[in-house]
Full PDB file with SEQRES, HELIX, SHEET, SSBOND, CRYST1, ORIGX, SCALE, CONECT and MASTER records, all heavy atoms in Angstrom:
SEQRES   1 A   38  SER LYS GLU THR VAL GLN ASN LYS LEU ALA GLN PHE VAL          
SEQRES   2 A   38  GLU ALA THR GLY VAL ASP GLU ILE ILE VAL SER MET PRO          
SEQRES   3 A   38  ILE TYR ASP ILE GLU ALA ARG LEU PHE SER VAL ASN              
HELIX    1 AA1 LYS A    2  THR A   16  1                                  15    
HELIX    2 AA2 ILE A   30  VAL A   37  1                                   8    
CRYST1    1.000    1.000    1.000  90.00  90.00  90.00 P 1           1          
ORIGX1      1.000000  0.000000  0.000000        0.00000                         
ORIGX2      0.000000  1.000000  0.000000        0.00000                         
ORIGX3      0.000000  0.000000  1.000000        0.00000                         
SCALE1      1.000000  0.000000  0.000000        0.00000                         
SCALE2      0.000000  1.000000  0.000000        0.00000                         
SCALE3      0.000000  0.000000  1.000000        0.00000                         
ATOM      1  N   SER A   1      17.807  -7.792  10.418  1.00  0.00           N  
ATOM      2  CA  SER A   1      18.571  -8.074  11.630  1.00  0.00           C  
ATOM      3  C   SER A   1      18.515  -6.861  12.560  1.00  0.00           C  
ATOM      4  O   SER A   1      18.097  -5.764  12.156  1.00  0.00           O  
ATOM      5  CB  SER A   1      20.034  -8.362  11.265  1.00  0.00           C  
ATOM      6  OG  SER A   1      20.639  -7.179  10.772  1.00  0.00           O  
ATOM      7  N   LYS A   2      18.968  -7.048  13.799  1.00  0.00           N  
ATOM      8  CA  LYS A   2      18.992  -5.922  14.734  1.00  0.00           C  
ATOM      9  C   LYS A   2      19.824  -4.773  14.163  1.00  0.00           C  
ATOM     10  O   LYS A   2      19.437  -3.610  14.269  1.00  0.00           O  
ATOM     11  CB  LYS A   2      19.559  -6.356  16.082  1.00  0.00           C  
ATOM     12  CG  LYS A   2      18.610  -7.189  16.897  1.00  0.00           C  
ATOM     13  CD  LYS A   2      19.240  -7.524  18.237  1.00  0.00           C  
ATOM     14  CE  LYS A   2      18.370  -8.469  19.018  1.00  0.00           C  
ATOM     15  NZ  LYS A   2      18.986  -8.835  20.310  1.00  0.00           N  
ATOM     16  N   GLU A   3      20.960  -5.110  13.562  1.00  0.00           N  
ATOM     17  CA  GLU A   3      21.822  -4.071  12.991  1.00  0.00           C  
ATOM     18  C   GLU A   3      21.124  -3.330  11.855  1.00  0.00           C  
ATOM     19  O   GLU A   3      21.167  -2.096  11.779  1.00  0.00           O  
ATOM     20  CB  GLU A   3      23.122  -4.694  12.480  1.00  0.00           C  
ATOM     21  CG  GLU A   3      24.098  -3.672  11.934  1.00  0.00           C  
ATOM     22  CD  GLU A   3      25.393  -4.306  11.474  1.00  0.00           C  
ATOM     23  OE1 GLU A   3      25.911  -5.192  12.177  1.00  0.00           O  
ATOM     24  OE2 GLU A   3      25.880  -3.896  10.405  1.00  0.00           O  
ATOM     25  N   THR A   4      20.457  -4.063  10.987  1.00  0.00           N  
ATOM     26  CA  THR A   4      19.732  -3.449   9.868  1.00  0.00           C  
ATOM     27  C   THR A   4      18.628  -2.539  10.378  1.00  0.00           C  
ATOM     28  O   THR A   4      18.483  -1.402   9.921  1.00  0.00           O  
ATOM     29  CB  THR A   4      19.135  -4.541   8.949  1.00  0.00           C  
ATOM     30  OG1 THR A   4      20.202  -5.310   8.408  1.00  0.00           O  
ATOM     31  CG2 THR A   4      18.308  -3.941   7.829  1.00  0.00           C  
ATOM     32  N   VAL A   5      17.849  -3.019  11.324  1.00  0.00           N  
ATOM     33  CA  VAL A   5      16.748  -2.226  11.872  1.00  0.00           C  
ATOM     34  C   VAL A   5      17.289  -0.989  12.587  1.00  0.00           C  
ATOM     35  O   VAL A   5      16.745   0.107  12.441  1.00  0.00           O  
ATOM     36  CB  VAL A   5      15.855  -3.077  12.806  1.00  0.00           C  
ATOM     37  CG1 VAL A   5      14.850  -2.213  13.543  1.00  0.00           C  
ATOM     38  CG2 VAL A   5      15.142  -4.158  11.998  1.00  0.00           C  
ATOM     39  N   GLN A   6      18.362  -1.148  13.346  1.00  0.00           N  
ATOM     40  CA  GLN A   6      18.954  -0.012  14.048  1.00  0.00           C  
ATOM     41  C   GLN A   6      19.417   1.055  13.056  1.00  0.00           C  
ATOM     42  O   GLN A   6      19.172   2.248  13.260  1.00  0.00           O  
ATOM     43  CB  GLN A   6      20.125  -0.482  14.905  1.00  0.00           C  
ATOM     44  CG  GLN A   6      20.656   0.582  15.838  1.00  0.00           C  
ATOM     45  CD  GLN A   6      21.655   0.009  16.816  1.00  0.00           C  
ATOM     46  OE1 GLN A   6      22.339  -0.968  16.525  1.00  0.00           O  
ATOM     47  NE2 GLN A   6      21.730   0.586  17.986  1.00  0.00           N  
ATOM     48  N   ASN A   7      20.043   0.640  11.963  1.00  0.00           N  
ATOM     49  CA  ASN A   7      20.493   1.588  10.939  1.00  0.00           C  
ATOM     50  C   ASN A   7      19.318   2.278  10.257  1.00  0.00           C  
ATOM     51  O   ASN A   7      19.330   3.497  10.055  1.00  0.00           O  
ATOM     52  CB  ASN A   7      21.370   0.889   9.899  1.00  0.00           C  
ATOM     53  CG  ASN A   7      22.713   0.480  10.459  1.00  0.00           C  
ATOM     54  OD1 ASN A   7      23.190   1.036  11.445  1.00  0.00           O  
ATOM     55  ND2 ASN A   7      23.329  -0.520   9.843  1.00  0.00           N  
ATOM     56  N   LYS A   8      18.296   1.504   9.905  1.00  0.00           N  
ATOM     57  CA  LYS A   8      17.116   2.092   9.254  1.00  0.00           C  
ATOM     58  C   LYS A   8      16.390   3.043  10.196  1.00  0.00           C  
ATOM     59  O   LYS A   8      15.893   4.090   9.774  1.00  0.00           O  
ATOM     60  CB  LYS A   8      16.169   0.997   8.771  1.00  0.00           C  
ATOM     61  CG  LYS A   8      16.663   0.242   7.564  1.00  0.00           C  
ATOM     62  CD  LYS A   8      15.638  -0.791   7.123  1.00  0.00           C  
ATOM     63  CE  LYS A   8      16.061  -1.537   5.894  1.00  0.00           C  
ATOM     64  NZ  LYS A   8      15.029  -2.493   5.458  1.00  0.00           N  
ATOM     65  N   LEU A   9      16.321   2.679  11.470  1.00  0.00           N  
ATOM     66  CA  LEU A   9      15.672   3.545  12.461  1.00  0.00           C  
ATOM     67  C   LEU A   9      16.437   4.864  12.586  1.00  0.00           C  
ATOM     68  O   LEU A   9      15.829   5.944  12.600  1.00  0.00           O  
ATOM     69  CB  LEU A   9      15.585   2.833  13.813  1.00  0.00           C  
ATOM     70  CG  LEU A   9      14.945   3.622  14.947  1.00  0.00           C  
ATOM     71  CD1 LEU A   9      13.506   3.997  14.612  1.00  0.00           C  
ATOM     72  CD2 LEU A   9      14.999   2.806  16.244  1.00  0.00           C  
ATOM     73  N   ALA A  10      17.756   4.794  12.650  1.00  0.00           N  
ATOM     74  CA  ALA A  10      18.570   6.010  12.744  1.00  0.00           C  
ATOM     75  C   ALA A  10      18.377   6.887  11.505  1.00  0.00           C  
ATOM     76  O   ALA A  10      18.252   8.121  11.621  1.00  0.00           O  
ATOM     77  CB  ALA A  10      20.039   5.640  12.916  1.00  0.00           C  
ATOM     78  N   GLN A  11      18.314   6.275  10.332  1.00  0.00           N  
ATOM     79  CA  GLN A  11      18.090   7.027   9.095  1.00  0.00           C  
ATOM     80  C   GLN A  11      16.714   7.694   9.110  1.00  0.00           C  
ATOM     81  O   GLN A  11      16.569   8.846   8.690  1.00  0.00           O  
ATOM     82  CB  GLN A  11      18.215   6.113   7.884  1.00  0.00           C  
ATOM     83  CG  GLN A  11      19.613   5.628   7.618  1.00  0.00           C  
ATOM     84  CD  GLN A  11      19.658   4.536   6.553  1.00  0.00           C  
ATOM     85  OE1 GLN A  11      18.641   4.139   5.996  1.00  0.00           O  
ATOM     86  NE2 GLN A  11      20.854   4.043   6.272  1.00  0.00           N  
ATOM     87  N   PHE A  12      15.710   6.967   9.586  1.00  0.00           N  
ATOM     88  CA  PHE A  12      14.357   7.508   9.657  1.00  0.00           C  
ATOM     89  C   PHE A  12      14.304   8.710  10.587  1.00  0.00           C  
ATOM     90  O   PHE A  12      13.739   9.748  10.252  1.00  0.00           O  
ATOM     91  CB  PHE A  12      13.382   6.420  10.127  1.00  0.00           C  
ATOM     92  CG  PHE A  12      11.998   6.926  10.397  1.00  0.00           C  
ATOM     93  CD1 PHE A  12      11.129   7.181   9.353  1.00  0.00           C  
ATOM     94  CD2 PHE A  12      11.563   7.159  11.692  1.00  0.00           C  
ATOM     95  CE1 PHE A  12       9.842   7.656   9.594  1.00  0.00           C  
ATOM     96  CE2 PHE A  12      10.288   7.623  11.947  1.00  0.00           C  
ATOM     97  CZ  PHE A  12       9.426   7.881  10.891  1.00  0.00           C  
ATOM     98  N   VAL A  13      14.895   8.569  11.774  1.00  0.00           N  
ATOM     99  CA  VAL A  13      14.886   9.662  12.753  1.00  0.00           C  
ATOM    100  C   VAL A  13      15.616  10.880  12.189  1.00  0.00           C  
ATOM    101  O   VAL A  13      15.140  12.016  12.309  1.00  0.00           O  
ATOM    102  CB  VAL A  13      15.504   9.203  14.093  1.00  0.00           C  
ATOM    103  CG1 VAL A  13      15.731  10.373  15.026  1.00  0.00           C  
ATOM    104  CG2 VAL A  13      14.602   8.162  14.759  1.00  0.00           C  
ATOM    105  N   GLU A  14      16.767  10.658  11.559  1.00  0.00           N  
ATOM    106  CA  GLU A  14      17.514  11.771  10.984  1.00  0.00           C  
ATOM    107  C   GLU A  14      16.743  12.448   9.852  1.00  0.00           C  
ATOM    108  O   GLU A  14      16.702  13.670   9.751  1.00  0.00           O  
ATOM    109  CB  GLU A  14      18.867  11.294  10.477  1.00  0.00           C  
ATOM    110  CG  GLU A  14      19.732  12.448  10.009  1.00  0.00           C  
ATOM    111  CD  GLU A  14      21.154  12.034   9.702  1.00  0.00           C  
ATOM    112  OE1 GLU A  14      21.675  11.143  10.393  1.00  0.00           O  
ATOM    113  OE2 GLU A  14      21.731  12.610   8.766  1.00  0.00           O  
ATOM    114  N   ALA A  15      16.115  11.647   8.998  1.00  0.00           N  
ATOM    115  CA  ALA A  15      15.397  12.202   7.842  1.00  0.00           C  
ATOM    116  C   ALA A  15      14.147  12.973   8.246  1.00  0.00           C  
ATOM    117  O   ALA A  15      13.788  13.955   7.595  1.00  0.00           O  
ATOM    118  CB  ALA A  15      15.024  11.079   6.873  1.00  0.00           C  
ATOM    119  N   THR A  16      13.487  12.531   9.317  1.00  0.00           N  
ATOM    120  CA  THR A  16      12.217  13.151   9.699  1.00  0.00           C  
ATOM    121  C   THR A  16      12.335  14.121  10.861  1.00  0.00           C  
ATOM    122  O   THR A  16      11.468  14.969  11.054  1.00  0.00           O  
ATOM    123  CB  THR A  16      11.184  12.073  10.082  1.00  0.00           C  
ATOM    124  OG1 THR A  16      11.683  11.336  11.209  1.00  0.00           O  
ATOM    125  CG2 THR A  16      10.897  11.149   8.913  1.00  0.00           C  
ATOM    126  N   GLY A  17      13.381  13.978  11.676  1.00  0.00           N  
ATOM    127  CA  GLY A  17      13.540  14.849  12.833  1.00  0.00           C  
ATOM    128  C   GLY A  17      12.569  14.560  13.965  1.00  0.00           C  
ATOM    129  O   GLY A  17      12.379  15.393  14.850  1.00  0.00           O  
ATOM    130  N   VAL A  18      11.974  13.393  13.968  1.00  0.00           N  
ATOM    131  CA  VAL A  18      10.998  13.055  15.011  1.00  0.00           C  
ATOM    132  C   VAL A  18      11.691  12.872  16.359  1.00  0.00           C  
ATOM    133  O   VAL A  18      12.877  12.555  16.426  1.00  0.00           O  
ATOM    134  CB  VAL A  18      10.202  11.776  14.673  1.00  0.00           C  
ATOM    135  CG1 VAL A  18       9.402  11.962  13.403  1.00  0.00           C  
ATOM    136  CG2 VAL A  18      11.100  10.569  14.578  1.00  0.00           C  
ATOM    137  N   ASP A  19      10.932  13.097  17.428  1.00  0.00           N  
ATOM    138  CA  ASP A  19      11.464  12.849  18.763  1.00  0.00           C  
ATOM    139  C   ASP A  19      10.663  11.784  19.496  1.00  0.00           C  
ATOM    140  O   ASP A  19      10.884  11.515  20.668  1.00  0.00           O  
ATOM    141  CB  ASP A  19      11.526  14.136  19.584  1.00  0.00           C  
ATOM    142  CG  ASP A  19      10.162  14.749  19.818  1.00  0.00           C  
ATOM    143  OD1 ASP A  19       9.154  14.210  19.325  1.00  0.00           O  
ATOM    144  OD2 ASP A  19      10.106  15.784  20.506  1.00  0.00           O  
ATOM    145  N   GLU A  20       9.730  11.180  18.789  1.00  0.00           N  
ATOM    146  CA  GLU A  20       8.913  10.109  19.360  1.00  0.00           C  
ATOM    147  C   GLU A  20       8.499   9.173  18.229  1.00  0.00           C  
ATOM    148  O   GLU A  20       8.229   9.622  17.116  1.00  0.00           O  
ATOM    149  CB  GLU A  20       7.672  10.700  20.025  1.00  0.00           C  
ATOM    150  CG  GLU A  20       6.773   9.691  20.676  1.00  0.00           C  
ATOM    151  CD  GLU A  20       5.587  10.335  21.384  1.00  0.00           C  
ATOM    152  OE1 GLU A  20       5.201  11.457  21.023  1.00  0.00           O  
ATOM    153  OE2 GLU A  20       5.061   9.691  22.293  1.00  0.00           O  
ATOM    154  N   ILE A  21       8.449   7.882  18.524  1.00  0.00           N  
ATOM    155  CA  ILE A  21       8.078   6.891  17.515  1.00  0.00           C  
ATOM    156  C   ILE A  21       6.986   5.990  18.081  1.00  0.00           C  
ATOM    157  O   ILE A  21       7.083   5.535  19.227  1.00  0.00           O  
ATOM    158  CB  ILE A  21       9.293   6.038  17.106  1.00  0.00           C  
ATOM    159  CG1 ILE A  21      10.336   6.917  16.434  1.00  0.00           C  
ATOM    160  CG2 ILE A  21       8.882   4.889  16.190  1.00  0.00           C  
ATOM    161  CD1 ILE A  21      11.622   6.218  16.130  1.00  0.00           C  
ATOM    162  N   ILE A  22       5.968   5.759  17.297  1.00  0.00           N  
ATOM    163  CA  ILE A  22       4.916   4.802  17.648  1.00  0.00           C  
ATOM    164  C   ILE A  22       5.174   3.553  16.825  1.00  0.00           C  
ATOM    165  O   ILE A  22       5.277   3.615  15.595  1.00  0.00           O  
ATOM    166  CB  ILE A  22       3.516   5.370  17.359  1.00  0.00           C  
ATOM    167  CG1 ILE A  22       3.288   6.612  18.211  1.00  0.00           C  
ATOM    168  CG2 ILE A  22       2.451   4.311  17.611  1.00  0.00           C  
ATOM    169  CD1 ILE A  22       2.033   7.373  17.859  1.00  0.00           C  
ATOM    170  N   VAL A  23       5.280   2.422  17.487  1.00  0.00           N  
ATOM    171  CA  VAL A  23       5.624   1.168  16.825  1.00  0.00           C  
ATOM    172  C   VAL A  23       4.402   0.256  16.778  1.00  0.00           C  
ATOM    173  O   VAL A  23       3.689   0.115  17.772  1.00  0.00           O  
ATOM    174  CB  VAL A  23       6.777   0.459  17.580  1.00  0.00           C  
ATOM    175  CG1 VAL A  23       7.096  -0.873  16.948  1.00  0.00           C  
ATOM    176  CG2 VAL A  23       7.997   1.354  17.629  1.00  0.00           C  
ATOM    177  N   SER A  24       4.182  -0.347  15.632  1.00  0.00           N  
ATOM    178  CA  SER A  24       3.112  -1.320  15.474  1.00  0.00           C  
ATOM    179  C   SER A  24       3.724  -2.606  14.937  1.00  0.00           C  
ATOM    180  O   SER A  24       4.477  -2.580  13.967  1.00  0.00           O  
ATOM    181  CB  SER A  24       2.067  -0.799  14.489  1.00  0.00           C  
ATOM    182  OG  SER A  24       1.103  -1.791  14.227  1.00  0.00           O  
ATOM    183  N   MET A  25       3.405  -3.715  15.593  1.00  0.00           N  
ATOM    184  CA  MET A  25       3.924  -5.010  15.155  1.00  0.00           C  
ATOM    185  C   MET A  25       2.747  -5.971  14.983  1.00  0.00           C  
ATOM    186  O   MET A  25       2.451  -6.748  15.881  1.00  0.00           O  
ATOM    187  CB  MET A  25       4.935  -5.545  16.169  1.00  0.00           C  
ATOM    188  CG  MET A  25       6.148  -4.691  16.301  1.00  0.00           C  
ATOM    189  SD  MET A  25       7.310  -5.387  17.459  1.00  0.00           S  
ATOM    190  CE  MET A  25       8.552  -4.129  17.463  1.00  0.00           C  
ATOM    191  N   PRO A  26       2.074  -5.893  13.845  1.00  0.00           N  
ATOM    192  CA  PRO A  26       0.914  -6.757  13.626  1.00  0.00           C  
ATOM    193  C   PRO A  26       1.325  -8.184  13.269  1.00  0.00           C  
ATOM    194  O   PRO A  26       1.171  -8.632  12.139  1.00  0.00           O  
ATOM    195  CB  PRO A  26       0.178  -6.059  12.484  1.00  0.00           C  
ATOM    196  CG  PRO A  26       1.266  -5.381  11.717  1.00  0.00           C  
ATOM    197  CD  PRO A  26       2.291  -4.977  12.738  1.00  0.00           C  
ATOM    198  N   ILE A  27       1.886  -8.873  14.252  1.00  0.00           N  
ATOM    199  CA  ILE A  27       2.358 -10.250  14.057  1.00  0.00           C  
ATOM    200  C   ILE A  27       1.384 -11.172  14.773  1.00  0.00           C  
ATOM    201  O   ILE A  27       1.162 -11.029  15.978  1.00  0.00           O  
ATOM    202  CB  ILE A  27       3.784 -10.420  14.621  1.00  0.00           C  
ATOM    203  CG1 ILE A  27       4.739  -9.433  13.940  1.00  0.00           C  
ATOM    204  CG2 ILE A  27       4.253 -11.862  14.452  1.00  0.00           C  
ATOM    205  CD1 ILE A  27       6.092  -9.333  14.602  1.00  0.00           C  
ATOM    206  N   TYR A  28       0.799 -12.102  14.060  1.00  0.00           N  
ATOM    207  CA  TYR A  28      -0.231 -12.973  14.632  1.00  0.00           C  
ATOM    208  C   TYR A  28       0.316 -13.847  15.756  1.00  0.00           C  
ATOM    209  O   TYR A  28      -0.280 -13.937  16.827  1.00  0.00           O  
ATOM    210  CB  TYR A  28      -0.854 -13.846  13.539  1.00  0.00           C  
ATOM    211  CG  TYR A  28      -1.878 -14.815  14.079  1.00  0.00           C  
ATOM    212  CD1 TYR A  28      -3.146 -14.373  14.409  1.00  0.00           C  
ATOM    213  CD2 TYR A  28      -1.565 -16.154  14.284  1.00  0.00           C  
ATOM    214  CE1 TYR A  28      -4.091 -15.243  14.928  1.00  0.00           C  
ATOM    215  CE2 TYR A  28      -2.504 -17.031  14.801  1.00  0.00           C  
ATOM    216  CZ  TYR A  28      -3.759 -16.571  15.116  1.00  0.00           C  
ATOM    217  OH  TYR A  28      -4.677 -17.442  15.631  1.00  0.00           O  
ATOM    218  N   ASP A  29       1.441 -14.483  15.536  1.00  0.00           N  
ATOM    219  CA  ASP A  29       2.009 -15.401  16.518  1.00  0.00           C  
ATOM    220  C   ASP A  29       2.555 -14.609  17.708  1.00  0.00           C  
ATOM    221  O   ASP A  29       3.465 -13.790  17.552  1.00  0.00           O  
ATOM    222  CB  ASP A  29       3.122 -16.222  15.868  1.00  0.00           C  
ATOM    223  CG  ASP A  29       3.743 -17.203  16.841  1.00  0.00           C  
ATOM    224  OD1 ASP A  29       3.241 -18.330  16.948  1.00  0.00           O  
ATOM    225  OD2 ASP A  29       4.734 -16.818  17.503  1.00  0.00           O  
ATOM    226  N   ILE A  30       2.021 -14.834  18.896  1.00  0.00           N  
ATOM    227  CA  ILE A  30       2.392 -14.046  20.066  1.00  0.00           C  
ATOM    228  C   ILE A  30       3.864 -14.197  20.424  1.00  0.00           C  
ATOM    229  O   ILE A  30       4.525 -13.227  20.815  1.00  0.00           O  
ATOM    230  CB  ILE A  30       1.476 -14.366  21.276  1.00  0.00           C  
ATOM    231  CG1 ILE A  30       1.727 -13.371  22.425  1.00  0.00           C  
ATOM    232  CG2 ILE A  30       1.690 -15.783  21.762  1.00  0.00           C  
ATOM    233  CD1 ILE A  30       1.353 -11.966  22.132  1.00  0.00           C  
ATOM    234  N   GLU A  31       4.422 -15.383  20.293  1.00  0.00           N  
ATOM    235  CA  GLU A  31       5.841 -15.577  20.605  1.00  0.00           C  
ATOM    236  C   GLU A  31       6.722 -14.787  19.639  1.00  0.00           C  
ATOM    237  O   GLU A  31       7.708 -14.167  20.042  1.00  0.00           O  
ATOM    238  CB  GLU A  31       6.208 -17.065  20.584  1.00  0.00           C  
ATOM    239  CG  GLU A  31       5.534 -17.872  21.677  1.00  0.00           C  
ATOM    240  CD  GLU A  31       5.885 -17.398  23.088  1.00  0.00           C  
ATOM    241  OE1 GLU A  31       7.046 -17.025  23.330  1.00  0.00           O  
ATOM    242  OE2 GLU A  31       4.983 -17.403  23.946  1.00  0.00           O  
ATOM    243  N   ALA A  32       6.366 -14.795  18.375  1.00  0.00           N  
ATOM    244  CA  ALA A  32       7.123 -14.027  17.383  1.00  0.00           C  
ATOM    245  C   ALA A  32       6.987 -12.530  17.650  1.00  0.00           C  
ATOM    246  O   ALA A  32       7.954 -11.769  17.519  1.00  0.00           O  
ATOM    247  CB  ALA A  32       6.638 -14.365  15.974  1.00  0.00           C  
ATOM    248  N   ARG A  33       5.784 -12.110  18.038  1.00  0.00           N  
ATOM    249  CA  ARG A  33       5.569 -10.694  18.346  1.00  0.00           C  
ATOM    250  C   ARG A  33       6.404 -10.269  19.548  1.00  0.00           C  
ATOM    251  O   ARG A  33       7.048  -9.221  19.547  1.00  0.00           O  
ATOM    252  CB  ARG A  33       4.102 -10.407  18.605  1.00  0.00           C  
ATOM    253  CG  ARG A  33       3.838  -8.921  18.727  1.00  0.00           C  
ATOM    254  CD  ARG A  33       2.384  -8.558  18.928  1.00  0.00           C  
ATOM    255  NE  ARG A  33       1.464  -9.479  18.309  1.00  0.00           N  
ATOM    256  CZ  ARG A  33       0.254  -9.743  18.786  1.00  0.00           C  
ATOM    257  NH1 ARG A  33      -0.174  -9.169  19.886  1.00  0.00           N  
ATOM    258  NH2 ARG A  33      -0.539 -10.591  18.177  1.00  0.00           N  
ATOM    259  N   LEU A  34       6.409 -11.087  20.611  1.00  0.00           N  
ATOM    260  CA  LEU A  34       7.200 -10.772  21.800  1.00  0.00           C  
ATOM    261  C   LEU A  34       8.688 -10.732  21.474  1.00  0.00           C  
ATOM    262  O   LEU A  34       9.427  -9.882  21.987  1.00  0.00           O  
ATOM    263  CB  LEU A  34       6.912 -11.768  22.918  1.00  0.00           C  
ATOM    264  CG  LEU A  34       5.520 -11.655  23.540  1.00  0.00           C  
ATOM    265  CD1 LEU A  34       5.277 -12.795  24.518  1.00  0.00           C  
ATOM    266  CD2 LEU A  34       5.345 -10.306  24.231  1.00  0.00           C  
ATOM    267  N   PHE A  35       9.141 -11.632  20.621  1.00  0.00           N  
ATOM    268  CA  PHE A  35      10.537 -11.615  20.186  1.00  0.00           C  
ATOM    269  C   PHE A  35      10.855 -10.290  19.511  1.00  0.00           C  
ATOM    270  O   PHE A  35      11.879  -9.654  19.800  1.00  0.00           O  
ATOM    271  CB  PHE A  35      10.818 -12.791  19.235  1.00  0.00           C  
ATOM    272  CG  PHE A  35      12.209 -12.754  18.677  1.00  0.00           C  
ATOM    273  CD1 PHE A  35      13.273 -13.259  19.410  1.00  0.00           C  
ATOM    274  CD2 PHE A  35      12.457 -12.204  17.430  1.00  0.00           C  
ATOM    275  CE1 PHE A  35      14.571 -13.215  18.904  1.00  0.00           C  
ATOM    276  CE2 PHE A  35      13.742 -12.151  16.920  1.00  0.00           C  
ATOM    277  CZ  PHE A  35      14.800 -12.660  17.653  1.00  0.00           C  
ATOM    278  N   SER A  36       9.990  -9.845  18.613  1.00  0.00           N  
ATOM    279  CA  SER A  36      10.201  -8.590  17.904  1.00  0.00           C  
ATOM    280  C   SER A  36      10.174  -7.386  18.847  1.00  0.00           C  
ATOM    281  O   SER A  36      10.989  -6.479  18.718  1.00  0.00           O  
ATOM    282  CB  SER A  36       9.145  -8.396  16.813  1.00  0.00           C  
ATOM    283  OG  SER A  36       9.394  -9.266  15.741  1.00  0.00           O  
ATOM    284  N   VAL A  37       9.233  -7.398  19.775  1.00  0.00           N  
ATOM    285  CA  VAL A  37       9.146  -6.301  20.744  1.00  0.00           C  
ATOM    286  C   VAL A  37      10.429  -6.224  21.563  1.00  0.00           C  
ATOM    287  O   VAL A  37      11.012  -5.146  21.743  1.00  0.00           O  
ATOM    288  CB  VAL A  37       7.915  -6.465  21.658  1.00  0.00           C  
ATOM    289  CG1 VAL A  37       7.965  -5.499  22.840  1.00  0.00           C  
ATOM    290  CG2 VAL A  37       6.637  -6.258  20.866  1.00  0.00           C  
ATOM    291  N   ASN A  38      10.897  -7.345  22.057  1.00  0.00           N  
ATOM    292  CA  ASN A  38      12.119  -7.366  22.852  1.00  0.00           C  
ATOM    293  C   ASN A  38      13.344  -6.968  22.029  1.00  0.00           C  
ATOM    294  O   ASN A  38      14.199  -6.212  22.507  1.00  0.00           O  
ATOM    295  CB  ASN A  38      12.327  -8.741  23.494  1.00  0.00           C  
ATOM    296  CG  ASN A  38      11.337  -8.998  24.607  1.00  0.00           C  
ATOM    297  OD1 ASN A  38      10.975  -8.098  25.346  1.00  0.00           O  
ATOM    298  ND2 ASN A  38      10.896 -10.235  24.725  1.00  0.00           N  
TER     299      ASN A  38                                                      
MASTER        0    0    0    2    0    0    0    6  298    1    0    3          
END                                                                             
């Protein structure tokens, strides 16, 4: 869920100290991919 992803993202940023993230969403269905991107 959005809440789960937001929490995991915050944990990742805190654990790694990164200041930039590259996101990859290898989802075949374009509508599903756009949903995920948004």
